[in-house]
Amino acid sequence: MAKNESNRKPNIKNLRSHALNATKKKQKLNLQVVTLENGEKVKLSAKEIRNMKKAA
């Protein structure tokens, strides 16, 4: 089982109708399971994975 290592939170925004009713909506993260060099499986967001690859 992969451990969730991401510290990021989902984006929360209001959906607005023509009558200006506001409904909260969550935009969830794109979590991916990645195997690290030591063999440990973790869940990271796609943005964090991309940044790790750039840094390496």
N, C-alpha and C. Protein backbone atom coordinates (compact mmCIF):
# COMPACT_ATOMS: atom_id res chain seq x y z
N MET A 1 0.85 -1.18 0.00
CA MET A 1 0.00 0.00 0.00
C MET A 1 0.89 1.24 0.00
N ALA A 2 0.60 2.16 -0.87
CA ALA A 2 1.40 3.36 -0.99
C ALA A 2 1.00 4.37 0.07
N LYS A 3 2.00 5.04 0.61
CA LYS A 3 1.78 6.05 1.64
C LYS A 3 1.62 7.42 0.99
N ASN A 4 0.64 8.21 1.47
CA ASN A 4 0.40 9.54 0.90
C ASN A 4 1.42 10.52 1.50
N GLU A 5 2.33 11.02 0.66
CA GLU A 5 3.40 11.91 1.11
C GLU A 5 3.15 13.36 0.70
N SER A 6 2.09 13.62 -0.02
CA SER A 6 1.84 14.96 -0.53
C SER A 6 1.28 15.86 0.56
N ASN A 7 1.79 17.07 0.68
CA ASN A 7 1.30 18.04 1.66
C ASN A 7 0.32 19.02 1.03
N ARG A 8 0.08 18.89 -0.26
CA ARG A 8 -0.77 19.84 -0.96
C ARG A 8 -2.24 19.56 -0.67
N LYS A 9 -3.07 20.59 -0.79
CA LYS A 9 -4.50 20.48 -0.55
C LYS A 9 -5.24 20.78 -1.85
N PRO A 10 -6.49 20.30 -1.97
CA PRO A 10 -7.24 20.58 -3.20
C PRO A 10 -7.62 22.05 -3.32
N ASN A 11 -7.77 22.52 -4.56
CA ASN A 11 -8.25 23.88 -4.80
C ASN A 11 -9.75 23.91 -4.55
N ILE A 12 -10.23 24.98 -3.92
CA ILE A 12 -11.66 25.14 -3.67
C ILE A 12 -12.11 26.43 -4.36
N LYS A 13 -13.16 26.31 -5.14
CA LYS A 13 -13.64 27.48 -5.87
C LYS A 13 -15.16 27.49 -5.84
N ASN A 14 -15.75 28.62 -6.21
CA ASN A 14 -17.19 28.74 -6.31
C ASN A 14 -17.62 28.60 -7.77
N LEU A 15 -18.64 27.78 -8.01
CA LEU A 15 -19.29 27.74 -9.31
C LEU A 15 -20.44 28.74 -9.26
N ARG A 16 -20.53 29.61 -10.24
CA ARG A 16 -21.56 30.66 -10.25
C ARG A 16 -22.56 30.40 -11.36
N SER A 17 -23.85 30.42 -11.01
CA SER A 17 -24.90 30.30 -12.01
C SER A 17 -25.27 31.69 -12.53
N HIS A 18 -26.18 31.73 -13.50
CA HIS A 18 -26.62 33.03 -14.01
C HIS A 18 -27.36 33.82 -12.95
N ALA A 19 -27.97 33.12 -11.97
CA ALA A 19 -28.67 33.79 -10.87
C ALA A 19 -27.70 34.14 -9.73
N LEU A 20 -26.40 33.97 -9.99
CA LEU A 20 -25.32 34.25 -9.03
C LEU A 20 -25.38 33.38 -7.78
N ASN A 21 -25.96 32.17 -7.91
CA ASN A 21 -25.88 31.21 -6.81
C ASN A 21 -24.46 30.66 -6.76
N ALA A 22 -23.92 30.52 -5.56
CA ALA A 22 -22.55 30.02 -5.39
C ALA A 22 -22.59 28.60 -4.84
N THR A 23 -21.90 27.69 -5.53
CA THR A 23 -21.78 26.31 -5.09
C THR A 23 -20.30 25.98 -4.99
N LYS A 24 -19.87 25.49 -3.83
CA LYS A 24 -18.46 25.15 -3.64
C LYS A 24 -18.09 23.91 -4.45
N LYS A 25 -16.90 23.95 -5.07
CA LYS A 25 -16.39 22.81 -5.82
C LYS A 25 -14.94 22.58 -5.45
N LYS A 26 -14.55 21.31 -5.28
CA LYS A 26 -13.15 20.97 -5.02
C LYS A 26 -12.52 20.44 -6.29
N GLN A 27 -11.33 20.93 -6.60
CA GLN A 27 -10.54 20.39 -7.70
C GLN A 27 -9.44 19.57 -7.06
N LYS A 28 -9.56 18.25 -7.17
CA LYS A 28 -8.65 17.35 -6.47
C LYS A 28 -7.30 17.26 -7.17
N LEU A 29 -6.29 16.79 -6.42
CA LEU A 29 -4.94 16.65 -6.95
C LEU A 29 -4.83 15.43 -7.85
N ASN A 30 -3.88 15.47 -8.75
CA ASN A 30 -3.58 14.35 -9.62
C ASN A 30 -2.52 13.49 -8.92
N LEU A 31 -2.98 12.57 -8.02
CA LEU A 31 -2.06 11.76 -7.24
C LEU A 31 -1.64 10.53 -8.04
N GLN A 32 -0.34 10.25 -8.02
CA GLN A 32 0.23 9.11 -8.73
C GLN A 32 1.06 8.29 -7.73
N VAL A 33 1.10 6.97 -7.93
CA VAL A 33 1.93 6.09 -7.11
C VAL A 33 3.30 6.02 -7.76
N VAL A 34 4.35 6.32 -6.97
CA VAL A 34 5.72 6.35 -7.48
C VAL A 34 6.58 5.46 -6.59
N THR A 35 7.47 4.70 -7.20
CA THR A 35 8.43 3.90 -6.46
C THR A 35 9.74 4.67 -6.35
N LEU A 36 10.17 4.94 -5.13
CA LEU A 36 11.41 5.68 -4.91
C LEU A 36 12.61 4.76 -5.10
N GLU A 37 13.81 5.33 -5.05
CA GLU A 37 15.04 4.57 -5.28
C GLU A 37 15.24 3.48 -4.23
N ASN A 38 14.75 3.70 -2.99
CA ASN A 38 14.92 2.70 -1.93
C ASN A 38 13.83 1.63 -1.98
N GLY A 39 12.95 1.64 -2.99
CA GLY A 39 11.92 0.63 -3.17
C GLY A 39 10.60 0.96 -2.48
N GLU A 40 10.52 2.09 -1.81
CA GLU A 40 9.30 2.48 -1.11
C GLU A 40 8.31 3.10 -2.09
N LYS A 41 7.02 2.71 -1.97
CA LYS A 41 5.98 3.27 -2.83
C LYS A 41 5.27 4.39 -2.09
N VAL A 42 5.16 5.56 -2.74
CA VAL A 42 4.49 6.72 -2.14
C VAL A 42 3.56 7.34 -3.17
N LYS A 43 2.54 8.07 -2.67
CA LYS A 43 1.64 8.82 -3.54
C LYS A 43 2.09 10.27 -3.54
N LEU A 44 2.37 10.80 -4.73
CA LEU A 44 2.77 12.19 -4.91
C LEU A 44 1.91 12.79 -6.02
N SER A 45 1.77 14.10 -5.99
CA SER A 45 1.04 14.75 -7.07
C SER A 45 1.94 14.79 -8.30
N ALA A 46 1.30 14.92 -9.46
CA ALA A 46 2.05 14.94 -10.73
C ALA A 46 3.01 16.12 -10.76
N LYS A 47 2.62 17.25 -10.17
CA LYS A 47 3.48 18.43 -10.13
C LYS A 47 4.74 18.15 -9.30
N GLU A 48 4.59 17.47 -8.16
CA GLU A 48 5.74 17.16 -7.31
C GLU A 48 6.67 16.17 -8.00
N ILE A 49 6.12 15.21 -8.73
CA ILE A 49 6.94 14.24 -9.46
C ILE A 49 7.76 14.95 -10.53
N ARG A 50 7.11 15.88 -11.24
CA ARG A 50 7.81 16.63 -12.29
C ARG A 50 8.95 17.46 -11.70
N ASN A 51 8.71 18.09 -10.54
CA ASN A 51 9.75 18.88 -9.90
C ASN A 51 10.91 18.01 -9.41
N MET A 52 10.60 16.80 -8.91
CA MET A 52 11.65 15.87 -8.47
C MET A 52 12.53 15.47 -9.64
N LYS A 53 11.92 15.20 -10.80
CA LYS A 53 12.69 14.79 -11.98
C LYS A 53 13.58 15.91 -12.48
N LYS A 54 13.09 17.17 -12.39
CA LYS A 54 13.90 18.32 -12.80
C LYS A 54 15.09 18.50 -11.88
N ALA A 55 14.90 18.28 -10.57
CA ALA A 55 15.96 18.49 -9.60
C ALA A 55 17.05 17.43 -9.70
N ALA A 56 16.68 16.23 -10.14
CA ALA A 56 17.64 15.12 -10.20
C ALA A 56 18.53 15.19 -11.41
